């Protein structure tokens, strides 16, 4: 297993506190360490009781949850703006490549 953790670019902002970013990494590391457990129906549960208990041991867990609750709408708006910006940047490149293919 690769064990790569990807962080969304919207979290790479000065207004995102380090304890929140650390909590995201801690959460993802727990997924890698604990994996998932099957429930009675055979479906994989990734946020089991064991997972939630381990996650609660992160020293700034309560603060991270409170910060997320307060700032999630702001992060979602920033994410949507970032997506629009990326699409606008990529659209001219795609159009130019398509035009080059047609001229061949």
PDB file of N, CA and C in Angstrom:
ATOM      1  N   UNK A   1       0.848  -1.183   0.000  1.00  0.00           N
ATOM      2  CA  UNK A   1       0.000   0.000   0.000  1.00  0.00           C
ATOM      3  C   UNK A   1       0.889   1.241   0.000  1.00  0.00           C
ATOM      4  N   UNK A   2       0.525   2.213  -0.779  1.00  0.00           N
ATOM      5  CA  UNK A   2       1.338   3.411  -0.966  1.00  0.00           C
ATOM      6  C   UNK A   2       1.416   4.282   0.279  1.00  0.00           C
ATOM      7  N   UNK A   3       0.310   4.500   0.958  1.00  0.00           N
ATOM      8  CA  UNK A   3       0.322   5.321   2.164  1.00  0.00           C
ATOM      9  C   UNK A   3       0.443   6.808   1.893  1.00  0.00           C
ATOM     10  N   UNK A   4       0.056   7.232   0.711  1.00  0.00           N
ATOM     11  CA  UNK A   4       0.121   8.643   0.341  1.00  0.00           C
ATOM     12  C   UNK A   4      -1.112   9.374   0.862  1.00  0.00           C
ATOM     13  N   UNK A   5      -0.897  10.518   1.483  1.00  0.00           N
ATOM     14  CA  UNK A   5      -2.000  11.353   1.955  1.00  0.00           C
ATOM     15  C   UNK A   5      -2.005  12.619   1.116  1.00  0.00           C
ATOM     16  N   UNK A   6      -3.118  12.863   0.450  1.00  0.00           N
ATOM     17  CA  UNK A   6      -3.265  14.081  -0.346  1.00  0.00           C
ATOM     18  C   UNK A   6      -4.100  15.082   0.435  1.00  0.00           C
ATOM     19  N   UNK A   7      -3.639  16.300   0.455  1.00  0.00           N
ATOM     20  CA  UNK A   7      -4.338  17.378   1.145  1.00  0.00           C
ATOM     21  C   UNK A   7      -4.933  18.307   0.089  1.00  0.00           C
ATOM     22  N   UNK A   8      -6.200  18.607   0.225  1.00  0.00           N
ATOM     23  CA  UNK A   8      -6.861  19.488  -0.737  1.00  0.00           C
ATOM     24  C   UNK A   8      -6.197  20.865  -0.706  1.00  0.00           C
ATOM     25  N   UNK A   9      -5.977  21.465  -1.871  1.00  0.00           N
ATOM     26  CA  UNK A   9      -5.319  22.780  -1.927  1.00  0.00           C
ATOM     27  C   UNK A   9      -6.017  23.868  -1.117  1.00  0.00           C
ATOM     28  N   UNK A  10      -7.319  23.738  -0.894  1.00  0.00           N
ATOM     29  CA  UNK A  10      -8.022  24.771  -0.125  1.00  0.00           C
ATOM     30  C   UNK A  10      -7.522  24.812   1.322  1.00  0.00           C
ATOM     31  N   UNK A  11      -6.891  23.740   1.784  1.00  0.00           N
ATOM     32  CA  UNK A  11      -6.342  23.728   3.144  1.00  0.00           C
ATOM     33  C   UNK A  11      -4.940  24.333   3.201  1.00  0.00           C
ATOM     34  N   UNK A  12      -4.387  24.661   2.045  1.00  0.00           N
ATOM     35  CA  UNK A  12      -3.055  25.274   1.984  1.00  0.00           C
ATOM     36  C   UNK A  12      -3.206  26.794   1.986  1.00  0.00           C
ATOM     37  N   UNK A  13      -3.807  27.285   3.048  1.00  0.00           N
ATOM     38  CA  UNK A  13      -4.079  28.716   3.181  1.00  0.00           C
ATOM     39  C   UNK A  13      -3.620  29.159   4.558  1.00  0.00           C
ATOM     40  N   UNK A  14      -3.233  30.411   4.651  1.00  0.00           N
ATOM     41  CA  UNK A  14      -2.740  30.936   5.927  1.00  0.00           C
ATOM     42  C   UNK A  14      -3.813  30.969   7.006  1.00  0.00           C
ATOM     43  N   UNK A  15      -5.082  31.047   6.612  1.00  0.00           N
ATOM     44  CA  UNK A  15      -6.142  31.118   7.619  1.00  0.00           C
ATOM     45  C   UNK A  15      -6.567  29.749   8.154  1.00  0.00           C
ATOM     46  N   UNK A  16      -5.961  28.678   7.640  1.00  0.00           N
ATOM     47  CA  UNK A  16      -6.221  27.337   8.172  1.00  0.00           C
ATOM     48  C   UNK A  16      -5.185  27.066   9.260  1.00  0.00           C
ATOM     49  N   UNK A  17      -5.629  26.882  10.500  1.00  0.00           N
ATOM     50  CA  UNK A  17      -4.668  26.704  11.590  1.00  0.00           C
ATOM     51  C   UNK A  17      -3.941  25.361  11.501  1.00  0.00           C
ATOM     52  N   UNK A  18      -2.685  25.331  11.921  1.00  0.00           N
ATOM     53  CA  UNK A  18      -1.910  24.083  11.870  1.00  0.00           C
ATOM     54  C   UNK A  18      -2.593  22.918  12.583  1.00  0.00           C
ATOM     55  N   UNK A  19      -3.254  23.173  13.714  1.00  0.00           N
ATOM     56  CA  UNK A  19      -3.884  22.063  14.434  1.00  0.00           C
ATOM     57  C   UNK A  19      -4.983  21.410  13.605  1.00  0.00           C
ATOM     58  N   UNK A  20      -5.644  22.183  12.734  1.00  0.00           N
ATOM     59  CA  UNK A  20      -6.684  21.591  11.895  1.00  0.00           C
ATOM     60  C   UNK A  20      -6.061  20.723  10.811  1.00  0.00           C
ATOM     61  N   UNK A  21      -5.038  21.241  10.160  1.00  0.00           N
ATOM     62  CA  UNK A  21      -4.353  20.463   9.135  1.00  0.00           C
ATOM     63  C   UNK A  21      -3.765  19.187   9.736  1.00  0.00           C
ATOM     64  N   UNK A  22      -3.177  19.299  10.913  1.00  0.00           N
ATOM     65  CA  UNK A  22      -2.643  18.117  11.600  1.00  0.00           C
ATOM     66  C   UNK A  22      -3.750  17.116  11.897  1.00  0.00           C
ATOM     67  N   UNK A  23      -4.926  17.604  12.254  1.00  0.00           N
ATOM     68  CA  UNK A  23      -6.031  16.685  12.551  1.00  0.00           C
ATOM     69  C   UNK A  23      -6.472  15.932  11.299  1.00  0.00           C
ATOM     70  N   UNK A  24      -6.418  16.588  10.146  1.00  0.00           N
ATOM     71  CA  UNK A  24      -6.759  15.926   8.885  1.00  0.00           C
ATOM     72  C   UNK A  24      -5.741  14.826   8.588  1.00  0.00           C
ATOM     73  N   UNK A  25      -4.461  15.138   8.755  1.00  0.00           N
ATOM     74  CA  UNK A  25      -3.412  14.142   8.516  1.00  0.00           C
ATOM     75  C   UNK A  25      -3.553  12.986   9.507  1.00  0.00           C
ATOM     76  N   UNK A  26      -3.800  13.296  10.777  1.00  0.00           N
ATOM     77  CA  UNK A  26      -3.991  12.267  11.802  1.00  0.00           C
ATOM     78  C   UNK A  26      -5.159  11.353  11.421  1.00  0.00           C
ATOM     79  N   UNK A  27      -6.264  11.949  10.989  1.00  0.00           N
ATOM     80  CA  UNK A  27      -7.451  11.202  10.564  1.00  0.00           C
ATOM     81  C   UNK A  27      -7.091  10.239   9.430  1.00  0.00           C
ATOM     82  N   UNK A  28      -6.383  10.747   8.431  1.00  0.00           N
ATOM     83  CA  UNK A  28      -6.020   9.909   7.285  1.00  0.00           C
ATOM     84  C   UNK A  28      -5.019   8.827   7.670  1.00  0.00           C
ATOM     85  N   UNK A  29      -4.106   9.137   8.584  1.00  0.00           N
ATOM     86  CA  UNK A  29      -3.165   8.118   9.059  1.00  0.00           C
ATOM     87  C   UNK A  29      -3.904   7.000   9.793  1.00  0.00           C
ATOM     88  N   UNK A  30      -4.942   7.352  10.536  1.00  0.00           N
ATOM     89  CA  UNK A  30      -5.744   6.323  11.206  1.00  0.00           C
ATOM     90  C   UNK A  30      -6.409   5.397  10.192  1.00  0.00           C
ATOM     91  N   UNK A  31      -6.873   5.956   9.077  1.00  0.00           N
ATOM     92  CA  UNK A  31      -7.441   5.101   8.029  1.00  0.00           C
ATOM     93  C   UNK A  31      -6.406   4.087   7.563  1.00  0.00           C
ATOM     94  N   UNK A  32      -5.189   4.542   7.359  1.00  0.00           N
ATOM     95  CA  UNK A  32      -4.124   3.651   6.898  1.00  0.00           C
ATOM     96  C   UNK A  32      -3.810   2.594   7.958  1.00  0.00           C
ATOM     97  N   UNK A  33      -3.722   3.010   9.197  1.00  0.00           N
ATOM     98  CA  UNK A  33      -3.341   2.114  10.293  1.00  0.00           C
ATOM     99  C   UNK A  33      -4.454   1.123  10.649  1.00  0.00           C
ATOM    100  N   UNK A  34      -5.697   1.605  10.746  1.00  0.00           N
ATOM    101  CA  UNK A  34      -6.800   0.757  11.202  1.00  0.00           C
ATOM    102  C   UNK A  34      -7.552   0.068  10.066  1.00  0.00           C
ATOM    103  N   UNK A  35      -7.535   0.676   8.887  1.00  0.00           N
ATOM    104  CA  UNK A  35      -8.304   0.115   7.788  1.00  0.00           C
ATOM    105  C   UNK A  35      -9.792   0.177   8.081  1.00  0.00           C
ATOM    106  N   UNK A  36     -10.528  -0.701   7.460  1.00  0.00           N
ATOM    107  CA  UNK A  36     -11.968  -0.765   7.682  1.00  0.00           C
ATOM    108  C   UNK A  36     -12.338  -2.091   8.324  1.00  0.00           C
ATOM    109  N   UNK A  37     -13.517  -2.138   8.902  1.00  0.00           N
ATOM    110  CA  UNK A  37     -14.015  -3.376   9.508  1.00  0.00           C
ATOM    111  C   UNK A  37     -15.381  -3.689   8.904  1.00  0.00           C
ATOM    112  N   UNK A  38     -15.655  -4.969   8.672  1.00  0.00           N
ATOM    113  CA  UNK A  38     -16.959  -5.309   8.097  1.00  0.00           C
ATOM    114  C   UNK A  38     -18.077  -5.191   9.134  1.00  0.00           C
ATOM    115  N   UNK A  39     -19.222  -4.694   8.684  1.00  0.00           N
ATOM    116  CA  UNK A  39     -20.385  -4.672   9.573  1.00  0.00           C
ATOM    117  C   UNK A  39     -21.157  -5.980   9.386  1.00  0.00           C
ATOM    118  N   UNK A  40     -22.298  -6.093  10.007  1.00  0.00           N
ATOM    119  CA  UNK A  40     -23.075  -7.345   9.948  1.00  0.00           C
ATOM    120  C   UNK A  40     -23.534  -7.685   8.537  1.00  0.00           C
ATOM    121  N   UNK A  41     -23.705  -6.666   7.712  1.00  0.00           N
ATOM    122  CA  UNK A  41     -24.144  -6.887   6.331  1.00  0.00           C
ATOM    123  C   UNK A  41     -22.966  -7.129   5.393  1.00  0.00           C
ATOM    124  N   UNK A  42     -21.751  -7.108   5.937  1.00  0.00           N
ATOM    125  CA  UNK A  42     -20.569  -7.338   5.119  1.00  0.00           C
ATOM    126  C   UNK A  42     -19.998  -6.086   4.474  1.00  0.00           C
ATOM    127  N   UNK A  43     -20.608  -4.927   4.740  1.00  0.00           N
ATOM    128  CA  UNK A  43     -20.083  -3.671   4.193  1.00  0.00           C
ATOM    129  C   UNK A  43     -18.916  -3.204   5.054  1.00  0.00           C
ATOM    130  N   UNK A  44     -17.988  -2.530   4.435  1.00  0.00           N
ATOM    131  CA  UNK A  44     -16.829  -2.029   5.162  1.00  0.00           C
ATOM    132  C   UNK A  44     -17.165  -0.701   5.828  1.00  0.00           C
ATOM    133  N   UNK A  45     -16.882  -0.634   7.125  1.00  0.00           N
ATOM    134  CA  UNK A  45     -17.102   0.584   7.908  1.00  0.00           C
ATOM    135  C   UNK A  45     -15.732   1.182   8.201  1.00  0.00           C
ATOM    136  N   UNK A  46     -15.508   2.399   7.753  1.00  0.00           N
ATOM    137  CA  UNK A  46     -14.208   3.045   7.945  1.00  0.00           C
ATOM    138  C   UNK A  46     -14.168   3.930   9.181  1.00  0.00           C
ATOM    139  N   UNK A  47     -15.304   4.405   9.627  1.00  0.00           N
ATOM    140  CA  UNK A  47     -15.359   5.246  10.826  1.00  0.00           C
ATOM    141  C   UNK A  47     -16.055   4.473  11.949  1.00  0.00           C
ATOM    142  N   UNK A  48     -15.437   3.379  12.330  1.00  0.00           N
ATOM    143  CA  UNK A  48     -15.971   2.510  13.376  1.00  0.00           C
ATOM    144  C   UNK A  48     -15.813   3.170  14.745  1.00  0.00           C
ATOM    145  N   UNK A  49     -16.353   2.518  15.747  1.00  0.00           N
ATOM    146  CA  UNK A  49     -16.206   3.018  17.117  1.00  0.00           C
ATOM    147  C   UNK A  49     -14.716   3.088  17.485  1.00  0.00           C
ATOM    148  N   UNK A  50     -13.963   2.057  17.112  1.00  0.00           N
ATOM    149  CA  UNK A  50     -12.519   2.048  17.394  1.00  0.00           C
ATOM    150  C   UNK A  50     -11.832   3.228  16.721  1.00  0.00           C
ATOM    151  N   UNK A  51     -12.211   3.496  15.477  1.00  0.00           N
ATOM    152  CA  UNK A  51     -11.637   4.622  14.742  1.00  0.00           C
ATOM    153  C   UNK A  51     -11.951   5.935  15.453  1.00  0.00           C
ATOM    154  N   UNK A  52     -13.218   6.132  15.799  1.00  0.00           N
ATOM    155  CA  UNK A  52     -13.624   7.388  16.447  1.00  0.00           C
ATOM    156  C   UNK A  52     -12.931   7.574  17.798  1.00  0.00           C
ATOM    157  N   UNK A  53     -12.752   6.477  18.535  1.00  0.00           N
ATOM    158  CA  UNK A  53     -12.054   6.568  19.819  1.00  0.00           C
ATOM    159  C   UNK A  53     -10.589   6.958  19.612  1.00  0.00           C
ATOM    160  N   UNK A  54      -9.960   6.359  18.606  1.00  0.00           N
ATOM    161  CA  UNK A  54      -8.561   6.694  18.312  1.00  0.00           C
ATOM    162  C   UNK A  54      -8.448   8.136  17.829  1.00  0.00           C
ATOM    163  N   UNK A  55      -9.385   8.562  17.007  1.00  0.00           N
ATOM    164  CA  UNK A  55      -9.365   9.933  16.495  1.00  0.00           C
ATOM    165  C   UNK A  55      -9.518  10.945  17.630  1.00  0.00           C
ATOM    166  N   UNK A  56     -10.329  10.608  18.622  1.00  0.00           N
ATOM    167  CA  UNK A  56     -10.561  11.508  19.759  1.00  0.00           C
ATOM    168  C   UNK A  56      -9.312  11.675  20.621  1.00  0.00           C
ATOM    169  N   UNK A  57      -8.323  10.807  20.432  1.00  0.00           N
ATOM    170  CA  UNK A  57      -7.080  10.933  21.204  1.00  0.00           C
ATOM    171  C   UNK A  57      -6.144  12.006  20.640  1.00  0.00           C
ATOM    172  N   UNK A  58      -6.452  12.521  19.456  1.00  0.00           N
ATOM    173  CA  UNK A  58      -5.648  13.627  18.928  1.00  0.00           C
ATOM    174  C   UNK A  58      -5.812  14.801  19.895  1.00  0.00           C
ATOM    175  N   UNK A  59      -4.716  15.390  20.371  1.00  0.00           N
ATOM    176  CA  UNK A  59      -4.804  16.417  21.426  1.00  0.00           C
ATOM    177  C   UNK A  59      -5.714  17.605  21.108  1.00  0.00           C
ATOM    178  N   UNK A  60      -5.816  17.993  19.867  1.00  0.00           N
ATOM    179  CA  UNK A  60      -6.618  19.161  19.487  1.00  0.00           C
ATOM    180  C   UNK A  60      -7.904  18.747  18.776  1.00  0.00           C
ATOM    181  N   UNK A  61      -8.378  17.549  19.054  1.00  0.00           N
ATOM    182  CA  UNK A  61      -9.551  17.010  18.349  1.00  0.00           C
ATOM    183  C   UNK A  61     -10.785  17.907  18.507  1.00  0.00           C
ATOM    184  N   UNK A  62     -11.106  18.284  19.716  1.00  0.00           N
ATOM    185  CA  UNK A  62     -12.298  19.126  19.938  1.00  0.00           C
ATOM    186  C   UNK A  62     -12.158  20.476  19.250  1.00  0.00           C
ATOM    187  N   UNK A  63     -10.974  21.057  19.348  1.00  0.00           N
ATOM    188  CA  UNK A  63     -10.737  22.355  18.697  1.00  0.00           C
ATOM    189  C   UNK A  63     -10.849  22.224  17.181  1.00  0.00           C
ATOM    190  N   UNK A  64     -10.332  21.113  16.637  1.00  0.00           N
ATOM    191  CA  UNK A  64     -10.397  20.901  15.191  1.00  0.00           C
ATOM    192  C   UNK A  64     -11.849  20.751  14.734  1.00  0.00           C
ATOM    193  N   UNK A  65     -12.644  19.994  15.488  1.00  0.00           N
ATOM    194  CA  UNK A  65     -14.060  19.843  15.139  1.00  0.00           C
ATOM    195  C   UNK A  65     -14.792  21.180  15.209  1.00  0.00           C
ATOM    196  N   UNK A  66     -14.511  21.951  16.243  1.00  0.00           N
ATOM    197  CA  UNK A  66     -15.158  23.259  16.390  1.00  0.00           C
ATOM    198  C   UNK A  66     -14.747  24.190  15.256  1.00  0.00           C
ATOM    199  N   UNK A  67     -13.459  24.184  14.905  1.00  0.00           N
ATOM    200  CA  UNK A  67     -12.981  25.047  13.821  1.00  0.00           C
ATOM    201  C   UNK A  67     -13.628  24.632  12.502  1.00  0.00           C
ATOM    202  N   UNK A  68     -13.693  23.324  12.262  1.00  0.00           N
ATOM    203  CA  UNK A  68     -14.312  22.830  11.034  1.00  0.00           C
ATOM    204  C   UNK A  68     -15.785  23.247  10.964  1.00  0.00           C
ATOM    205  N   UNK A  69     -16.503  23.077  12.051  1.00  0.00           N
ATOM    206  CA  UNK A  69     -17.926  23.440  12.070  1.00  0.00           C
ATOM    207  C   UNK A  69     -18.119  24.922  11.761  1.00  0.00           C
ATOM    208  N   UNK A  70     -17.266  25.745  12.320  1.00  0.00           N
ATOM    209  CA  UNK A  70     -17.379  27.192  12.121  1.00  0.00           C
ATOM    210  C   UNK A  70     -16.931  27.627  10.726  1.00  0.00           C
ATOM    211  N   UNK A  71     -15.967  26.926  10.154  1.00  0.00           N
ATOM    212  CA  UNK A  71     -15.339  27.384   8.913  1.00  0.00           C
ATOM    213  C   UNK A  71     -15.667  26.563   7.679  1.00  0.00           C
ATOM    214  N   UNK A  72     -16.409  25.475   7.818  1.00  0.00           N
ATOM    215  CA  UNK A  72     -16.701  24.631   6.665  1.00  0.00           C
ATOM    216  C   UNK A  72     -17.378  25.393   5.526  1.00  0.00           C
ATOM    217  N   UNK A  73     -18.379  26.222   5.779  1.00  0.00           N
ATOM    218  CA  UNK A  73     -18.978  26.970   4.657  1.00  0.00           C
ATOM    219  C   UNK A  73     -17.946  27.832   3.912  1.00  0.00           C
ATOM    220  N   UNK A  74     -17.050  28.461   4.653  1.00  0.00           N
ATOM    221  CA  UNK A  74     -15.993  29.278   4.049  1.00  0.00           C
ATOM    222  C   UNK A  74     -15.066  28.406   3.201  1.00  0.00           C
ATOM    223  N   UNK A  75     -14.689  27.234   3.711  1.00  0.00           N
ATOM    224  CA  UNK A  75     -13.808  26.329   2.967  1.00  0.00           C
ATOM    225  C   UNK A  75     -14.482  25.825   1.700  1.00  0.00           C
ATOM    226  N   UNK A  76     -15.762  25.508   1.786  1.00  0.00           N
ATOM    227  CA  UNK A  76     -16.479  25.027   0.604  1.00  0.00           C
ATOM    228  C   UNK A  76     -16.572  26.107  -0.467  1.00  0.00           C
ATOM    229  N   UNK A  77     -16.840  27.345  -0.049  1.00  0.00           N
ATOM    230  CA  UNK A  77     -16.865  28.451  -1.024  1.00  0.00           C
ATOM    231  C   UNK A  77     -15.486  28.645  -1.651  1.00  0.00           C
ATOM    232  N   UNK A  78     -14.449  28.571  -0.845  1.00  0.00           N
ATOM    233  CA  UNK A  78     -13.085  28.724  -1.361  1.00  0.00           C
ATOM    234  C   UNK A  78     -12.751  27.588  -2.322  1.00  0.00           C
ATOM    235  N   UNK A  79     -13.210  26.385  -2.009  1.00  0.00           N
ATOM    236  CA  UNK A  79     -12.977  25.235  -2.879  1.00  0.00           C
ATOM    237  C   UNK A  79     -13.680  25.413  -4.217  1.00  0.00           C
ATOM    238  N   UNK A  80     -14.917  25.884  -4.187  1.00  0.00           N
ATOM    239  CA  UNK A  80     -15.655  26.121  -5.428  1.00  0.00           C
ATOM    240  C   UNK A  80     -14.982  27.200  -6.264  1.00  0.00           C
ATOM    241  N   UNK A  81     -14.501  28.244  -5.622  1.00  0.00           N
ATOM    242  CA  UNK A  81     -13.795  29.312  -6.342  1.00  0.00           C
ATOM    243  C   UNK A  81     -12.514  28.775  -6.965  1.00  0.00           C
ATOM    244  N   UNK A  82     -11.802  27.931  -6.237  1.00  0.00           N
ATOM    245  CA  UNK A  82     -10.574  27.329  -6.753  1.00  0.00           C
ATOM    246  C   UNK A  82     -10.885  26.441  -7.954  1.00  0.00           C
ATOM    247  N   UNK A  83     -11.964  25.670  -7.883  1.00  0.00           N
ATOM    248  CA  UNK A  83     -12.368  24.825  -9.009  1.00  0.00           C
ATOM    249  C   UNK A  83     -12.711  25.664 -10.236  1.00  0.00           C
ATOM    250  N   UNK A  84     -13.453  26.757 -10.029  1.00  0.00           N
ATOM    251  CA  UNK A  84     -13.792  27.637 -11.163  1.00  0.00           C
ATOM    252  C   UNK A  84     -12.530  28.230 -11.782  1.00  0.00           C
ATOM    253  N   UNK A  85     -11.599  28.632 -10.930  1.00  0.00           N
ATOM    254  CA  UNK A  85     -10.342  29.212 -11.403  1.00  0.00           C
ATOM    255  C   UNK A  85      -9.553  28.193 -12.221  1.00  0.00           C
ATOM    256  N   UNK A  86      -9.502  26.968 -11.750  1.00  0.00           N
ATOM    257  CA  UNK A  86      -8.781  25.915 -12.484  1.00  0.00           C
ATOM    258  C   UNK A  86      -9.434  25.622 -13.825  1.00  0.00           C
ATOM    259  N   UNK A  87     -10.768  25.538 -13.833  1.00  0.00           N
ATOM    260  CA  UNK A  87     -11.457  25.276 -15.098  1.00  0.00           C
ATOM    261  C   UNK A  87     -11.210  26.400 -16.095  1.00  0.00           C
ATOM    262  N   UNK A  88     -11.235  27.630 -15.638  1.00  0.00           N
ATOM    263  CA  UNK A  88     -11.003  28.773 -16.519  1.00  0.00           C
ATOM    264  C   UNK A  88      -9.582  28.759 -17.064  1.00  0.00           C
ATOM    265  N   UNK A  89      -8.641  28.311 -16.248  1.00  0.00           N
ATOM    266  CA  UNK A  89      -7.245  28.239 -16.678  1.00  0.00           C
ATOM    267  C   UNK A  89      -7.044  27.103 -17.668  1.00  0.00           C
ATOM    268  N   UNK A  90      -7.712  25.973 -17.434  1.00  0.00           N
ATOM    269  CA  UNK A  90      -7.536  24.806 -18.295  1.00  0.00           C
ATOM    270  C   UNK A  90      -8.302  24.916 -19.601  1.00  0.00           C
ATOM    271  N   UNK A  91      -9.415  25.614 -19.618  1.00  0.00           N
ATOM    272  CA  UNK A  91     -10.246  25.695 -20.822  1.00  0.00           C
ATOM    273  C   UNK A  91      -9.479  26.228 -22.026  1.00  0.00           C
ATOM    274  N   UNK A  92      -8.735  27.342 -21.929  1.00  0.00           N
ATOM    275  CA  UNK A  92      -7.989  27.818 -23.101  1.00  0.00           C
ATOM    276  C   UNK A  92      -6.923  26.818 -23.555  1.00  0.00           C
ATOM    277  N   UNK A  93      -6.300  26.116 -22.620  1.00  0.00           N
ATOM    278  CA  UNK A  93      -5.283  25.131 -22.983  1.00  0.00           C
ATOM    279  C   UNK A  93      -5.915  23.982 -23.755  1.00  0.00           C
ATOM    280  N   UNK A  94      -7.064  23.521 -23.299  1.00  0.00           N
ATOM    281  CA  UNK A  94      -7.753  22.425 -23.984  1.00  0.00           C
ATOM    282  C   UNK A  94      -8.194  22.858 -25.374  1.00  0.00           C
ATOM    283  N   UNK A  95      -8.697  24.081 -25.495  1.00  0.00           N
ATOM    284  CA  UNK A  95      -9.130  24.599 -26.789  1.00  0.00           C
ATOM    285  C   UNK A  95      -7.945  24.694 -27.740  1.00  0.00           C
ATOM    286  N   UNK A  96      -6.811  25.162 -27.256  1.00  0.00           N
ATOM    287  CA  UNK A  96      -5.619  25.281 -28.096  1.00  0.00           C
ATOM    288  C   UNK A  96      -5.147  23.908 -28.557  1.00  0.00           C
ATOM    289  N   UNK A  97      -5.161  22.923 -27.655  1.00  0.00           N
ATOM    290  CA  UNK A  97      -4.740  21.567 -28.040  1.00  0.00           C
ATOM    291  C   UNK A  97      -5.700  20.976 -29.058  1.00  0.00           C
ATOM    292  N   UNK A  98      -6.990  21.197 -28.870  1.00  0.00           N
ATOM    293  CA  UNK A  98      -7.982  20.674 -29.806  1.00  0.00           C
ATOM    294  C   UNK A  98      -7.779  21.298 -31.180  1.00  0.00           C
ATOM    295  N   UNK A  99      -7.505  22.596 -31.210  1.00  0.00           N
ATOM    296  CA  UNK A  99      -7.255  23.271 -32.482  1.00  0.00           C
ATOM    297  C   UNK A  99      -6.009  22.739 -33.165  1.00  0.00           C
ATOM    298  N   UNK A 100      -4.977  22.453 -32.398  1.00  0.00           N
ATOM    299  CA  UNK A 100      -3.740  21.910 -32.961  1.00  0.00           C
ATOM    300  C   UNK A 100      -3.989  20.528 -33.546  1.00  0.00           C
ATOM    301  N   UNK A 101      -4.805  19.725 -32.902  1.00  0.00           N
ATOM    302  CA  UNK A 101      -5.110  18.384 -33.423  1.00  0.00           C
ATOM    303  C   UNK A 101      -5.895  18.484 -34.722  1.00  0.00           C
ATOM    304  N   UNK A 102      -6.786  19.457 -34.819  1.00  0.00           N
ATOM    305  CA  UNK A 102      -7.592  19.598 -36.024  1.00  0.00           C
ATOM    306  C   UNK A 102      -6.743  20.054 -37.200  1.00  0.00           C
ATOM    307  N   UNK A 103      -5.688  20.817 -36.954  1.00  0.00           N
ATOM    308  CA  UNK A 103      -4.842  21.323 -38.037  1.00  0.00           C
ATOM    309  C   UNK A 103      -3.904  20.249 -38.569  1.00  0.00           C
ATOM    310  N   UNK A 104      -3.717  19.182 -37.836  1.00  0.00           N
ATOM    311  CA  UNK A 104      -2.782  18.118 -38.279  1.00  0.00           C
ATOM    312  C   UNK A 104      -3.287  17.363 -39.451  1.00  0.00           C
TER     313      UNK A 104
END
